[in-house]
N, C-alpha and C. Protein backbone atom coordinates (compact mmCIF):
# COMPACT_ATOMS: atom_id res chain seq x y z
N UNK A 1 -52.01 -18.30 -57.77
CA UNK A 1 -50.97 -19.23 -57.98
C UNK A 1 -51.46 -20.49 -57.53
N UNK A 2 -52.43 -20.59 -56.82
CA UNK A 2 -53.10 -21.73 -57.01
C UNK A 2 -53.66 -22.57 -57.96
N UNK A 3 -54.01 -21.57 -59.17
CA UNK A 3 -54.59 -22.68 -60.15
C UNK A 3 -53.40 -22.88 -61.26
N UNK A 4 -52.26 -22.00 -61.35
CA UNK A 4 -51.87 -22.38 -61.83
C UNK A 4 -50.95 -23.70 -60.97
N UNK A 5 -50.67 -24.03 -59.74
CA UNK A 5 -50.50 -25.28 -59.18
C UNK A 5 -51.17 -26.39 -59.86
N UNK A 6 -52.56 -25.90 -59.90
CA UNK A 6 -53.11 -27.53 -60.38
C UNK A 6 -53.41 -27.25 -61.74
N UNK A 7 -52.53 -26.49 -62.46
CA UNK A 7 -52.02 -27.42 -63.94
C UNK A 7 -52.56 -26.34 -64.99
N UNK A 8 -53.27 -25.20 -64.17
CA UNK A 8 -54.02 -24.21 -65.39
C UNK A 8 -52.76 -22.95 -65.58
N UNK A 9 -52.18 -22.85 -66.45
CA UNK A 9 -50.99 -22.08 -66.63
C UNK A 9 -51.52 -20.82 -67.06
N UNK A 10 -52.21 -20.76 -67.76
CA UNK A 10 -53.24 -18.84 -67.99
C UNK A 10 -52.92 -17.88 -66.81
N UNK A 11 -53.60 -18.12 -65.61
CA UNK A 11 -52.59 -16.96 -64.67
C UNK A 11 -51.51 -16.70 -64.58
N UNK A 12 -50.89 -17.64 -65.01
CA UNK A 12 -49.25 -16.94 -64.59
C UNK A 12 -48.91 -15.69 -65.41
N UNK A 13 -49.53 -15.26 -66.82
CA UNK A 13 -49.11 -14.03 -67.54
C UNK A 13 -50.04 -12.80 -66.58
N UNK A 14 -50.95 -13.14 -66.00
CA UNK A 14 -51.46 -12.47 -65.11
C UNK A 14 -50.73 -11.93 -64.19
N UNK A 15 -50.11 -13.03 -63.18
CA UNK A 15 -49.05 -12.91 -61.71
C UNK A 15 -47.88 -12.41 -62.71
N UNK A 16 -47.20 -12.61 -63.74
CA UNK A 16 -46.07 -12.10 -64.36
C UNK A 16 -46.37 -9.95 -64.51
N UNK A 17 -47.63 -10.18 -65.58
CA UNK A 17 -48.13 -7.79 -65.21
C UNK A 17 -48.20 -7.88 -64.13
N UNK A 18 -48.62 -8.54 -63.18
CA UNK A 18 -48.94 -8.06 -61.58
C UNK A 18 -47.54 -7.62 -61.07
N UNK A 19 -46.73 -8.36 -61.19
CA UNK A 19 -45.30 -8.57 -60.11
C UNK A 19 -44.09 -8.43 -61.18
N UNK A 20 -44.07 -8.38 -62.11
CA UNK A 20 -42.66 -8.26 -63.07
C UNK A 20 -41.78 -7.22 -62.36
N UNK A 21 -42.32 -6.11 -62.56
CA UNK A 21 -41.93 -4.37 -61.71
C UNK A 21 -41.88 -4.38 -60.91
N UNK A 22 -42.28 -4.60 -59.80
CA UNK A 22 -41.93 -4.63 -58.46
C UNK A 22 -40.53 -5.88 -58.29
N UNK A 23 -40.56 -6.86 -58.80
CA UNK A 23 -39.74 -7.68 -58.63
C UNK A 23 -38.34 -7.55 -59.39
N UNK A 24 -38.37 -6.80 -60.30
CA UNK A 24 -37.35 -6.41 -61.15
C UNK A 24 -36.73 -5.24 -60.62
N UNK A 25 -37.47 -4.06 -59.74
CA UNK A 25 -37.02 -3.41 -58.70
C UNK A 25 -36.50 -3.63 -57.47
N UNK A 26 -36.81 -4.54 -57.16
CA UNK A 26 -35.67 -5.41 -55.75
C UNK A 26 -34.47 -6.25 -56.50
N UNK A 27 -34.68 -6.76 -57.52
CA UNK A 27 -33.41 -7.55 -57.68
C UNK A 27 -32.58 -6.49 -58.53
N UNK A 28 -32.87 -5.46 -58.98
CA UNK A 28 -32.30 -4.04 -59.24
C UNK A 28 -31.43 -3.17 -57.95
N UNK A 29 -32.24 -3.41 -57.09
CA UNK A 29 -31.65 -2.75 -56.29
C UNK A 29 -30.81 -3.22 -55.00
N UNK A 30 -30.95 -4.59 -55.60
CA UNK A 30 -29.45 -5.60 -54.59
C UNK A 30 -28.63 -6.18 -55.99
N UNK A 31 -28.52 -5.82 -56.91
CA UNK A 31 -27.28 -6.14 -57.88
C UNK A 31 -26.86 -4.85 -58.54
N UNK A 32 -27.74 -3.98 -58.41
CA UNK A 32 -27.22 -2.75 -58.82
C UNK A 32 -27.32 -3.01 -61.02
N UNK A 33 -27.64 -3.93 -61.75
CA UNK A 33 -27.34 -4.30 -62.59
C UNK A 33 -28.53 -4.25 -63.60
N UNK A 34 -29.25 -3.98 -64.60
CA UNK A 34 -30.30 -3.81 -65.37
C UNK A 34 -30.35 -5.28 -65.75
N UNK A 35 -29.48 -4.89 -66.69
CA UNK A 35 -29.44 -6.52 -67.48
C UNK A 35 -29.17 -7.97 -66.86
N UNK A 36 -28.75 -8.15 -65.58
CA UNK A 36 -28.80 -9.26 -64.97
C UNK A 36 -30.13 -9.15 -64.43
N UNK A 37 -30.45 -7.88 -63.52
CA UNK A 37 -31.68 -7.66 -63.05
C UNK A 37 -32.94 -8.53 -64.05
N UNK A 38 -32.86 -7.93 -65.01
CA UNK A 38 -34.20 -8.42 -66.21
C UNK A 38 -34.11 -9.93 -66.17
N UNK A 39 -32.79 -10.33 -66.24
CA UNK A 39 -32.81 -11.73 -66.50
C UNK A 39 -32.96 -12.95 -65.12
N UNK A 40 -32.89 -12.19 -64.18
CA UNK A 40 -33.68 -13.10 -62.70
C UNK A 40 -34.59 -12.72 -62.44
N UNK A 41 -35.64 -11.82 -63.16
CA UNK A 41 -36.89 -11.86 -62.94
C UNK A 41 -37.28 -13.08 -63.92
N UNK A 42 -36.73 -12.99 -65.28
CA UNK A 42 -37.51 -14.25 -66.04
C UNK A 42 -37.01 -15.41 -65.27
N UNK A 43 -35.95 -16.02 -64.49
CA UNK A 43 -35.48 -17.13 -64.06
C UNK A 43 -36.18 -17.12 -62.69
N UNK A 44 -36.75 -16.02 -62.06
CA UNK A 44 -37.79 -16.24 -61.36
C UNK A 44 -38.63 -16.86 -61.44
N UNK A 45 -39.73 -16.48 -62.60
CA UNK A 45 -40.75 -16.60 -62.95
C UNK A 45 -40.88 -18.24 -63.60
N UNK A 46 -39.35 -18.31 -64.33
CA UNK A 46 -39.29 -19.86 -64.69
C UNK A 46 -39.52 -21.25 -63.24
N UNK A 47 -38.76 -20.22 -62.27
CA UNK A 47 -38.41 -21.27 -61.02
C UNK A 47 -40.17 -21.42 -60.13
N UNK A 48 -40.60 -20.41 -60.58
CA UNK A 48 -42.06 -20.52 -60.07
C UNK A 48 -43.19 -21.10 -60.62
N UNK A 49 -42.79 -21.54 -62.03
CA UNK A 49 -43.43 -22.14 -62.77
C UNK A 49 -42.70 -23.93 -62.72
N UNK A 50 -41.72 -23.97 -62.61
CA UNK A 50 -41.08 -25.76 -62.20
C UNK A 50 -41.67 -25.87 -60.57
N UNK A 51 -41.30 -24.87 -59.49
CA UNK A 51 -41.20 -25.15 -58.33
C UNK A 51 -43.40 -24.81 -57.56
N UNK A 52 -43.93 -24.69 -58.66
CA UNK A 52 -45.75 -24.59 -58.58
C UNK A 52 -45.83 -25.69 -57.56
N UNK A 53 -45.38 -26.43 -57.16
CA UNK A 53 -45.99 -27.50 -56.00
C UNK A 53 -45.59 -26.77 -54.88
N UNK A 54 -44.63 -26.38 -54.39
CA UNK A 54 -43.91 -26.12 -53.41
C UNK A 54 -44.90 -24.51 -53.08
N UNK A 55 -45.57 -24.04 -53.45
CA UNK A 55 -46.91 -23.13 -52.84
C UNK A 55 -47.99 -23.94 -52.17
N UNK A 56 -47.82 -23.62 -51.14
CA UNK A 56 -48.74 -23.98 -50.45
C UNK A 56 -50.28 -23.35 -50.21
N UNK A 57 -50.06 -21.90 -50.69
CA UNK A 57 -51.04 -21.11 -50.73
C UNK A 57 -51.73 -20.69 -49.17
N UNK A 58 -50.65 -21.27 -48.23
CA UNK A 58 -50.82 -20.69 -46.52
C UNK A 58 -50.61 -19.35 -46.38
N UNK A 59 -49.07 -19.14 -46.99
CA UNK A 59 -48.79 -18.13 -46.65
C UNK A 59 -49.07 -17.01 -47.95
N UNK A 60 -48.82 -15.67 -47.93
CA UNK A 60 -48.95 -15.32 -48.97
C UNK A 60 -47.80 -14.95 -50.37
N UNK A 61 -48.72 -14.83 -51.36
CA UNK A 61 -47.76 -14.75 -52.73
C UNK A 61 -46.45 -14.38 -52.83
N UNK A 62 -46.63 -13.16 -52.25
CA UNK A 62 -45.44 -12.18 -52.27
C UNK A 62 -44.08 -12.71 -51.71
N UNK A 63 -44.37 -13.16 -50.68
CA UNK A 63 -43.79 -13.67 -49.67
C UNK A 63 -43.25 -15.17 -50.82
N UNK A 64 -44.04 -16.06 -50.95
CA UNK A 64 -43.25 -16.75 -51.54
C UNK A 64 -42.79 -16.60 -52.93
N UNK A 65 -42.80 -15.52 -53.38
CA UNK A 65 -42.06 -15.05 -54.62
C UNK A 65 -40.64 -14.46 -54.36
N UNK A 66 -40.98 -13.71 -53.63
CA UNK A 66 -39.76 -12.83 -53.26
C UNK A 66 -38.61 -14.33 -52.53
N UNK A 67 -38.86 -14.93 -51.64
CA UNK A 67 -38.36 -16.40 -51.90
C UNK A 67 -37.30 -16.58 -52.80
N UNK A 68 -38.46 -17.01 -53.70
CA UNK A 68 -37.96 -17.30 -55.26
C UNK A 68 -36.84 -16.21 -55.66
N UNK A 69 -37.00 -15.17 -55.30
CA UNK A 69 -36.20 -14.09 -55.80
C UNK A 69 -34.98 -14.32 -55.30
N UNK A 70 -35.25 -14.25 -53.85
CA UNK A 70 -33.85 -14.56 -53.15
C UNK A 70 -32.47 -15.40 -53.48
N UNK A 71 -33.72 -16.77 -53.92
CA UNK A 71 -32.63 -17.85 -54.04
C UNK A 71 -32.27 -17.97 -55.66
N UNK A 72 -32.87 -17.54 -56.23
CA UNK A 72 -32.25 -17.13 -57.73
C UNK A 72 -31.17 -15.84 -57.63
N UNK A 73 -30.88 -14.94 -57.03
CA UNK A 73 -29.89 -14.30 -56.96
C UNK A 73 -28.88 -14.71 -56.00
N UNK A 74 -29.01 -15.97 -54.99
CA UNK A 74 -28.10 -16.35 -54.10
C UNK A 74 -27.43 -16.98 -55.21
N UNK A 75 -27.90 -18.21 -55.99
CA UNK A 75 -27.64 -18.87 -57.42
C UNK A 75 -26.72 -18.05 -58.20
N UNK A 76 -27.37 -16.89 -57.90
CA UNK A 76 -26.47 -15.76 -59.51
C UNK A 76 -24.94 -15.74 -58.79
N UNK A 77 -24.85 -14.85 -57.22
CA UNK A 77 -24.03 -14.66 -56.39
C UNK A 77 -23.12 -16.00 -56.19
N UNK A 78 -23.72 -17.15 -56.18
CA UNK A 78 -22.48 -18.28 -56.37
C UNK A 78 -21.79 -18.22 -58.05
N UNK A 79 -22.34 -17.92 -58.89
CA UNK A 79 -21.67 -18.13 -60.12
C UNK A 79 -20.99 -16.76 -60.68
N UNK A 80 -21.58 -15.51 -59.99
CA UNK A 80 -20.43 -14.83 -60.66
C UNK A 80 -20.19 -13.37 -59.43
N UNK A 81 -19.36 -13.06 -59.02
CA UNK A 81 -19.02 -12.20 -58.12
C UNK A 81 -19.14 -10.67 -58.34
N UNK A 82 -19.79 -10.10 -57.87
CA UNK A 82 -20.17 -8.83 -58.27
C UNK A 82 -19.05 -7.87 -59.02
N UNK A 83 -18.63 -7.16 -59.99
CA UNK A 83 -17.47 -6.11 -59.86
C UNK A 83 -18.04 -4.89 -59.51
N UNK A 84 -18.91 -4.21 -58.93
CA UNK A 84 -19.09 -3.06 -58.24
C UNK A 84 -20.34 -2.47 -59.51
N UNK A 85 -20.90 -1.49 -58.84
CA UNK A 85 -22.33 -1.06 -59.28
C UNK A 85 -22.55 -0.02 -59.78
N UNK A 86 -22.64 0.35 -61.37
CA UNK A 86 -22.63 1.07 -61.76
C UNK A 86 -22.80 2.75 -61.43
N UNK A 87 -22.18 3.67 -61.73
CA UNK A 87 -22.37 5.02 -61.55
C UNK A 87 -23.31 5.86 -62.89
N UNK A 88 -24.10 6.29 -62.34
CA UNK A 88 -24.72 7.08 -63.36
C UNK A 88 -25.25 8.53 -63.38
N UNK A 89 -24.12 9.04 -62.24
CA UNK A 89 -23.92 10.81 -62.30
C UNK A 89 -23.96 11.26 -63.23
N UNK A 90 -23.17 10.84 -64.04
CA UNK A 90 -22.19 11.30 -65.42
C UNK A 90 -23.75 11.77 -66.46
N UNK A 91 -24.46 10.40 -66.22
CA UNK A 91 -25.40 10.79 -67.32
C UNK A 91 -26.51 11.45 -66.94
N UNK A 92 -26.96 11.91 -65.43
CA UNK A 92 -27.58 12.42 -65.37
C UNK A 92 -27.23 14.17 -65.32
N UNK A 93 -25.58 14.48 -65.13
CA UNK A 93 -25.18 15.18 -65.41
C UNK A 93 -25.60 15.79 -66.77
N UNK A 94 -25.16 14.98 -68.03
CA UNK A 94 -24.96 15.60 -68.80
C UNK A 94 -26.30 15.99 -69.42
N UNK A 95 -27.55 14.77 -68.95
CA UNK A 95 -29.02 14.95 -69.36
C UNK A 95 -29.36 16.55 -68.87
N UNK A 96 -28.92 17.03 -67.66
CA UNK A 96 -29.20 17.97 -67.04
C UNK A 96 -28.45 19.65 -67.29
N UNK A 97 -27.33 19.12 -68.12
CA UNK A 97 -26.83 20.21 -68.45
C UNK A 97 -27.32 21.47 -69.38
N UNK A 98 -27.05 22.52 -68.76
CA UNK A 98 -28.02 23.90 -70.01
C UNK A 98 -29.25 24.35 -69.33
N UNK A 99 -30.05 23.14 -68.15
CA UNK A 99 -31.34 23.49 -67.85
C UNK A 99 -31.50 25.04 -66.79
N UNK A 100 -32.12 25.50 -66.49
CA UNK A 100 -32.74 26.72 -65.49
C UNK A 100 -32.37 25.87 -63.95
N UNK A 101 -33.12 24.52 -64.00
CA UNK A 101 -32.20 24.51 -62.81
C UNK A 101 -31.42 23.36 -62.37
N UNK A 102 -30.16 22.95 -63.11
CA UNK A 102 -29.28 22.75 -63.33
C UNK A 102 -28.23 21.95 -62.10
N UNK A 103 -28.32 22.85 -61.58
CA UNK A 103 -27.09 23.41 -60.34
C UNK A 103 -28.16 22.29 -59.41
N UNK A 104 -29.82 23.01 -59.45
CA UNK A 104 -30.37 22.41 -58.57
C UNK A 104 -30.66 20.68 -58.70
N UNK A 105 -30.91 20.51 -59.88
CA UNK A 105 -31.18 19.34 -60.15
C UNK A 105 -29.66 18.08 -60.05
N UNK A 106 -28.88 19.07 -60.31
CA UNK A 106 -27.19 18.05 -60.12
C UNK A 106 -27.31 17.36 -58.54
N UNK A 107 -27.32 18.47 -57.81
CA UNK A 107 -27.21 18.35 -56.43
C UNK A 107 -28.36 17.18 -55.81
N UNK A 108 -29.14 17.06 -56.19
CA UNK A 108 -29.99 16.57 -55.99
C UNK A 108 -29.60 14.97 -56.42
N UNK A 109 -28.95 15.12 -57.80
CA UNK A 109 -28.75 13.77 -58.55
C UNK A 109 -27.58 13.27 -58.03
N UNK A 110 -26.28 13.96 -56.75
CA UNK A 110 -25.26 13.98 -56.81
C UNK A 110 -25.81 13.11 -55.40
N UNK A 111 -26.53 13.86 -54.24
CA UNK A 111 -27.06 13.09 -53.28
C UNK A 111 -27.71 12.05 -53.52
N UNK A 112 -28.57 11.57 -54.18
CA UNK A 112 -29.22 10.14 -54.80
C UNK A 112 -28.10 9.49 -54.91
N UNK A 113 -26.79 9.83 -55.79
CA UNK A 113 -25.91 8.80 -55.81
C UNK A 113 -25.36 8.44 -54.79
N UNK A 114 -25.08 9.19 -53.86
CA UNK A 114 -24.40 9.20 -52.94
C UNK A 114 -25.76 8.37 -52.12
N UNK A 115 -26.53 8.22 -51.84
CA UNK A 115 -27.44 7.60 -51.14
C UNK A 115 -26.95 6.02 -51.53
N UNK A 116 -27.52 5.98 -52.62
CA UNK A 116 -27.23 4.57 -53.53
C UNK A 116 -25.63 3.97 -53.32
N UNK A 117 -24.89 4.73 -53.66
CA UNK A 117 -23.82 4.10 -53.07
C UNK A 117 -23.67 3.87 -51.74
N UNK A 118 -23.97 4.38 -50.85
CA UNK A 118 -24.25 4.13 -49.32
C UNK A 118 -24.81 2.68 -49.40
N UNK A 119 -26.36 2.46 -49.87
CA UNK A 119 -26.89 1.00 -50.06
C UNK A 119 -26.10 -0.13 -50.36
N UNK A 120 -25.62 0.59 -51.95
CA UNK A 120 -24.54 -0.75 -52.15
C UNK A 120 -23.60 -1.21 -51.19
N UNK A 121 -23.10 -0.07 -50.56
CA UNK A 121 -21.90 -0.67 -49.22
C UNK A 121 -22.69 -1.76 -48.32
N UNK A 122 -24.19 -1.27 -48.17
CA UNK A 122 -24.52 -1.90 -47.02
C UNK A 122 -24.28 -3.73 -47.32
N UNK A 123 -23.75 -4.54 -46.29
CA UNK A 123 -24.01 -5.79 -45.93
C UNK A 123 -25.01 -6.32 -46.98
N UNK A 124 -24.85 -7.67 -47.57
CA UNK A 124 -26.44 -7.93 -48.26
C UNK A 124 -27.26 -8.31 -47.36
N UNK A 125 -27.22 -8.22 -45.97
CA UNK A 125 -28.53 -8.98 -45.26
C UNK A 125 -29.31 -7.39 -44.83
N UNK A 126 -28.67 -6.49 -44.61
CA UNK A 126 -29.32 -5.31 -44.36
C UNK A 126 -29.90 -4.48 -45.72
N UNK A 127 -28.99 -4.45 -47.00
CA UNK A 127 -29.60 -3.89 -48.26
C UNK A 127 -31.21 -4.74 -48.23
N UNK A 128 -30.94 -5.79 -48.23
CA UNK A 128 -32.17 -6.72 -48.47
C UNK A 128 -33.19 -6.29 -47.71
N UNK A 129 -33.06 -6.42 -46.38
CA UNK A 129 -34.68 -5.76 -46.02
C UNK A 129 -34.91 -4.35 -45.90
N UNK A 130 -33.69 -3.44 -46.63
CA UNK A 130 -34.31 -2.24 -46.48
C UNK A 130 -34.78 -2.23 -48.08
N UNK A 131 -34.45 -2.59 -48.89
CA UNK A 131 -35.27 -3.09 -50.35
C UNK A 131 -36.41 -3.41 -50.13
N UNK A 132 -36.92 -4.53 -49.33
CA UNK A 132 -38.17 -5.27 -48.96
C UNK A 132 -39.12 -4.29 -48.40
N UNK A 133 -38.33 -3.50 -47.56
CA UNK A 133 -39.52 -2.81 -46.42
C UNK A 133 -39.61 -1.46 -47.15
N UNK A 134 -39.02 -0.68 -47.76
CA UNK A 134 -39.04 0.58 -47.89
C UNK A 134 -39.29 0.87 -49.73
N UNK A 135 -38.86 -0.62 -50.20
CA UNK A 135 -38.77 -0.16 -51.54
C UNK A 135 -40.04 -0.94 -52.33
N UNK A 136 -39.97 -2.16 -51.79
CA UNK A 136 -40.93 -2.85 -52.23
C UNK A 136 -42.38 -2.80 -51.35
N UNK A 137 -42.27 -2.39 -50.19
CA UNK A 137 -43.08 -1.94 -49.18
C UNK A 137 -43.75 -3.19 -49.19
N UNK A 138 -43.15 -4.26 -48.22
CA UNK A 138 -43.55 -5.34 -48.13
C UNK A 138 -43.62 -4.91 -46.48
N UNK A 139 -44.59 -5.82 -45.78
CA UNK A 139 -44.96 -5.84 -44.20
C UNK A 139 -43.83 -6.40 -43.43
N UNK A 140 -43.28 -6.17 -42.56
CA UNK A 140 -42.60 -6.65 -41.89
C UNK A 140 -43.11 -8.08 -41.32
N UNK A 141 -44.00 -8.60 -41.35
CA UNK A 141 -44.69 -9.89 -40.59
C UNK A 141 -43.96 -11.03 -42.52
N UNK A 142 -44.41 -10.10 -43.69
CA UNK A 142 -44.08 -10.53 -45.00
C UNK A 142 -42.67 -10.91 -45.10
N UNK A 143 -41.95 -10.07 -44.57
CA UNK A 143 -40.70 -10.08 -44.36
C UNK A 143 -40.22 -11.12 -43.68
N UNK A 144 -40.84 -10.95 -42.76
CA UNK A 144 -40.28 -12.57 -41.64
C UNK A 144 -40.48 -13.50 -42.60
N UNK A 145 -41.85 -13.89 -43.06
CA UNK A 145 -41.69 -15.26 -43.73
C UNK A 145 -40.35 -15.37 -45.40
N UNK A 146 -40.20 -14.19 -45.52
CA UNK A 146 -39.31 -14.20 -46.85
C UNK A 146 -38.09 -15.11 -46.30
N UNK A 147 -37.82 -14.33 -45.35
CA UNK A 147 -36.43 -14.59 -44.75
C UNK A 147 -36.38 -15.73 -43.64
N UNK A 148 -37.32 -16.10 -43.44
CA UNK A 148 -37.80 -17.52 -42.08
C UNK A 148 -37.14 -16.79 -41.03
N UNK A 149 -38.02 -15.68 -40.29
CA UNK A 149 -37.29 -15.28 -39.50
C UNK A 149 -38.50 -14.82 -38.47
N UNK A 150 -38.36 -13.95 -37.38
CA UNK A 150 -39.57 -13.66 -36.53
C UNK A 150 -39.99 -11.91 -36.93
N UNK A 151 -40.58 -11.54 -36.81
CA UNK A 151 -40.92 -10.28 -37.21
C UNK A 151 -40.40 -9.33 -36.51
N UNK A 152 -39.64 -9.73 -34.88
CA UNK A 152 -39.15 -9.12 -34.49
C UNK A 152 -37.64 -8.31 -34.65
N UNK A 153 -37.07 -9.73 -35.38
CA UNK A 153 -35.81 -9.86 -35.57
C UNK A 153 -35.83 -9.12 -37.13
N UNK A 154 -37.06 -8.92 -37.56
CA UNK A 154 -36.82 -7.97 -39.04
C UNK A 154 -36.74 -6.65 -38.43
N UNK A 155 -37.55 -6.10 -37.58
CA UNK A 155 -37.51 -4.65 -37.27
C UNK A 155 -36.17 -4.62 -36.72
N UNK A 156 -35.55 -5.47 -35.79
CA UNK A 156 -34.19 -5.21 -35.04
C UNK A 156 -32.98 -4.70 -36.71
N UNK A 157 -33.21 -5.68 -37.65
CA UNK A 157 -32.61 -5.82 -38.92
C UNK A 157 -32.80 -4.67 -39.35
N UNK A 158 -33.86 -4.05 -39.40
CA UNK A 158 -34.24 -2.82 -40.15
C UNK A 158 -33.66 -1.95 -39.48
N UNK A 159 -33.84 -1.74 -38.23
CA UNK A 159 -32.99 -0.54 -37.53
C UNK A 159 -31.89 -0.51 -37.53
N UNK A 160 -31.10 -1.15 -37.89
CA UNK A 160 -29.74 -1.81 -37.73
C UNK A 160 -29.18 -1.46 -38.77
N UNK A 161 -29.71 -1.81 -40.06
CA UNK A 161 -29.73 -1.32 -41.55
C UNK A 161 -29.92 0.30 -41.41
N UNK A 162 -30.78 1.00 -41.43
CA UNK A 162 -31.01 2.33 -41.16
C UNK A 162 -29.85 3.10 -40.69
N UNK A 163 -29.78 2.59 -39.49
CA UNK A 163 -28.69 3.35 -39.15
C UNK A 163 -26.81 3.46 -39.78
N UNK A 164 -27.16 2.19 -40.33
CA UNK A 164 -25.66 2.07 -40.86
C UNK A 164 -25.49 2.72 -42.28
N UNK A 165 -27.08 2.54 -42.69
CA UNK A 165 -27.10 3.27 -43.91
C UNK A 165 -26.94 4.88 -43.94
N UNK A 166 -26.81 5.35 -42.39
CA UNK A 166 -27.00 6.66 -42.45
C UNK A 166 -25.37 7.25 -42.03
N UNK A 167 -24.72 6.69 -41.30
CA UNK A 167 -23.34 6.54 -40.96
C UNK A 167 -22.76 6.63 -42.18
N UNK A 168 -23.19 5.46 -43.04
CA UNK A 168 -22.29 5.12 -44.59
C UNK A 168 -22.69 6.44 -45.51
N UNK A 169 -23.93 7.19 -45.35
CA UNK A 169 -24.33 8.28 -46.10
C UNK A 169 -23.47 9.32 -45.94
N UNK A 170 -23.69 9.42 -44.43
CA UNK A 170 -22.77 10.89 -44.64
C UNK A 170 -21.36 10.73 -44.41
N UNK A 171 -20.49 9.47 -44.46
CA UNK A 171 -19.46 9.38 -44.26
C UNK A 171 -19.19 9.77 -45.92
N UNK A 172 -19.61 9.06 -47.18
CA UNK A 172 -19.62 9.60 -48.73
C UNK A 172 -19.82 10.73 -48.40
N UNK A 173 -20.97 11.99 -47.76
CA UNK A 173 -21.37 13.14 -48.32
C UNK A 173 -19.87 13.85 -47.61
N UNK A 174 -19.52 13.41 -46.48
CA UNK A 174 -18.16 14.12 -45.94
C UNK A 174 -16.99 14.02 -46.90
N UNK A 175 -17.53 12.76 -47.33
CA UNK A 175 -15.99 12.45 -48.30
C UNK A 175 -15.63 13.04 -49.69
N UNK A 176 -16.98 13.56 -50.03
CA UNK A 176 -17.27 14.24 -51.59
C UNK A 176 -17.09 15.89 -50.76
N UNK A 177 -17.57 16.39 -49.97
CA UNK A 177 -17.14 17.56 -49.64
C UNK A 177 -15.67 18.09 -49.24
N UNK A 178 -15.22 17.05 -48.68
CA UNK A 178 -13.45 17.35 -48.53
C UNK A 178 -12.83 17.27 -49.94
N UNK A 179 -13.37 16.35 -50.89
CA UNK A 179 -12.82 16.83 -52.02
C UNK A 179 -12.85 17.47 -52.80
N UNK A 180 -13.84 18.68 -52.75
CA UNK A 180 -14.53 19.61 -53.08
C UNK A 180 -13.19 20.46 -53.48
């Protein structure tokens, strides 16, 4: 990124190749919408070019990139309020119908859907730290830089987020069991 900052734009394609998938994963888990997430990834790389002068090289590139992603996500949220998250259990069930392990696979898909529903129900600040730590595999120190807070605060937030996720997941699972 320091080369890009200095005006050599060729390394930008390498950065895109290396980081567009993890960035897409983060944004998809935050928005729940693939098309929107793909657009946001493009927006983040555009911003990285536009604001390359803000990269100091003192911190890790990923922290700076995820900060750009958070800003793009915040700007998107200001423009459009999320209407909800797509449910794709029906798609999974349709694909698995007729297979020898269809029941087990469907049960697993339903459990994953309940987990995704619980993750989507979390407040943004909790969902964000879980996505960054568990799915994007950022260290707490990196997350602290992204969120501009302390590592201790990140640990507390992750702990609270996991507890809230667990309780939401159990509520969803119990609600589905009662509806059967």
